Amino acid sequence: MSKVTLKVNLSYDELRKAISELSDDEKEGLFFELNPAWGKALQKMEEDAMERIHKGKGIAWEKLRDEI
């Protein structure tokens, strides 16, 4: 498969405008594509939370909701 290289020259304002026109899902995908460490950290947090829940160490949503 051939590799395609694309260089785009946009001002900061043009880039912000283009991003603002993306859907929320597209913005989220772009964020994690540009910040892979955040995606890994979020995945690790989710795995840790699921492990706590399976061990019975989780906090019920209802209890959290009532405390907020």
C-alpha atoms as a PDB file:
ATOM      1  CA  MET A   1       0.000   0.000   0.000  1.00  0.00           C
ATOM      2  CA  SER A   2       1.397   3.388  -0.930  1.00  0.00           C
ATOM      3  CA  LYS A   3       1.800   6.169   1.580  1.00  0.00           C
ATOM      4  CA  VAL A   4       0.165   9.540   1.012  1.00  0.00           C
ATOM      5  CA  THR A   5       1.637  12.661   2.563  1.00  0.00           C
ATOM      6  CA  LEU A   6      -0.524  15.722   2.852  1.00  0.00           C
ATOM      7  CA  LYS A   7       0.501  19.101   4.182  1.00  0.00           C
ATOM      8  CA  VAL A   8      -2.193  21.645   4.903  1.00  0.00           C
ATOM      9  CA  ASN A   9      -1.445  25.276   5.596  1.00  0.00           C
ATOM     10  CA  LEU A  10      -4.097  26.749   7.868  1.00  0.00           C
ATOM     11  CA  SER A  11      -4.006  29.610  10.282  1.00  0.00           C
ATOM     12  CA  TYR A  12      -4.880  28.878  13.881  1.00  0.00           C
ATOM     13  CA  ASP A  13      -8.281  30.537  13.422  1.00  0.00           C
ATOM     14  CA  GLU A  14      -8.986  28.516  10.256  1.00  0.00           C
ATOM     15  CA  LEU A  15      -8.069  25.328  12.087  1.00  0.00           C
ATOM     16  CA  ARG A  16     -10.315  26.210  15.046  1.00  0.00           C
ATOM     17  CA  LYS A  17     -13.197  26.961  12.661  1.00  0.00           C
ATOM     18  CA  ALA A  18     -12.721  23.657  10.812  1.00  0.00           C
ATOM     19  CA  ILE A  19     -12.648  21.715  14.094  1.00  0.00           C
ATOM     20  CA  SER A  20     -15.718  23.542  15.392  1.00  0.00           C
ATOM     21  CA  GLU A  21     -17.659  22.206  12.400  1.00  0.00           C
ATOM     22  CA  LEU A  22     -16.907  18.576  13.316  1.00  0.00           C
ATOM     23  CA  SER A  23     -19.453  16.447  15.143  1.00  0.00           C
ATOM     24  CA  ASP A  24     -18.814  15.707  18.813  1.00  0.00           C
ATOM     25  CA  ASP A  25     -17.778  12.147  17.915  1.00  0.00           C
ATOM     26  CA  GLU A  26     -15.329  13.441  15.300  1.00  0.00           C
ATOM     27  CA  LYS A  27     -13.872  15.939  17.791  1.00  0.00           C
ATOM     28  CA  GLU A  28     -13.440  13.167  20.356  1.00  0.00           C
ATOM     29  CA  GLY A  29     -11.776  10.911  17.786  1.00  0.00           C
ATOM     30  CA  LEU A  30      -9.426  13.713  16.746  1.00  0.00           C
ATOM     31  CA  PHE A  31      -8.545  14.454  20.373  1.00  0.00           C
ATOM     32  CA  PHE A  32      -7.560  10.861  21.093  1.00  0.00           C
ATOM     33  CA  GLU A  33      -5.729  10.545  17.780  1.00  0.00           C
ATOM     34  CA  LEU A  34      -3.615  13.585  18.653  1.00  0.00           C
ATOM     35  CA  ASN A  35      -3.249  12.585  22.327  1.00  0.00           C
ATOM     36  CA  PRO A  36      -2.845   8.785  22.431  1.00  0.00           C
ATOM     37  CA  ALA A  37      -1.575   8.876  26.022  1.00  0.00           C
ATOM     38  CA  TRP A  38      -4.951  10.268  27.141  1.00  0.00           C
ATOM     39  CA  GLY A  39      -6.726   7.390  25.418  1.00  0.00           C
ATOM     40  CA  LYS A  40      -4.477   4.874  27.157  1.00  0.00           C
ATOM     41  CA  ALA A  41      -5.002   6.588  30.516  1.00  0.00           C
ATOM     42  CA  LEU A  42      -8.775   6.607  30.045  1.00  0.00           C
ATOM     43  CA  GLN A  43      -8.738   2.924  29.099  1.00  0.00           C
ATOM     44  CA  LYS A  44      -6.651   2.098  32.193  1.00  0.00           C
ATOM     45  CA  MET A  45      -9.037   4.066  34.430  1.00  0.00           C
ATOM     46  CA  GLU A  46     -12.002   2.194  32.942  1.00  0.00           C
ATOM     47  CA  GLU A  47     -10.286  -1.187  33.456  1.00  0.00           C
ATOM     48  CA  ASP A  48      -9.454  -0.294  37.071  1.00  0.00           C
ATOM     49  CA  ALA A  49     -13.041   0.818  37.717  1.00  0.00           C
ATOM     50  CA  MET A  50     -14.470  -2.389  36.232  1.00  0.00           C
ATOM     51  CA  GLU A  51     -12.071  -4.460  38.342  1.00  0.00           C
ATOM     52  CA  ARG A  52     -13.199  -2.637  41.509  1.00  0.00           C
ATOM     53  CA  ILE A  53     -16.846  -3.174  40.571  1.00  0.00           C
ATOM     54  CA  HIS A  54     -16.285  -6.899  39.974  1.00  0.00           C
ATOM     55  CA  LYS A  55     -14.548  -7.162  43.350  1.00  0.00           C
ATOM     56  CA  GLY A  56     -17.506  -5.448  45.025  1.00  0.00           C
ATOM     57  CA  LYS A  57     -15.483  -2.346  45.839  1.00  0.00           C
ATOM     58  CA  GLY A  58     -17.419  -0.029  43.544  1.00  0.00           C
ATOM     59  CA  ILE A  59     -19.822   2.667  44.653  1.00  0.00           C
ATOM     60  CA  ALA A  60     -23.400   2.490  43.429  1.00  0.00           C
ATOM     61  CA  TRP A  61     -24.400   5.302  41.065  1.00  0.00           C
ATOM     62  CA  GLU A  62     -27.444   6.048  43.186  1.00  0.00           C
ATOM     63  CA  LYS A  63     -25.222   6.713  46.221  1.00  0.00           C
ATOM     64  CA  LEU A  64     -22.957   9.010  44.212  1.00  0.00           C
ATOM     65  CA  ARG A  65     -25.931  10.829  42.700  1.00  0.00           C
ATOM     66  CA  ASP A  66     -27.418  11.449  46.134  1.00  0.00           C
ATOM     67  CA  GLU A  67     -24.125  12.903  47.393  1.00  0.00           C
ATOM     68  CA  ILE A  68     -23.705  15.356  44.528  1.00  0.00           C
END
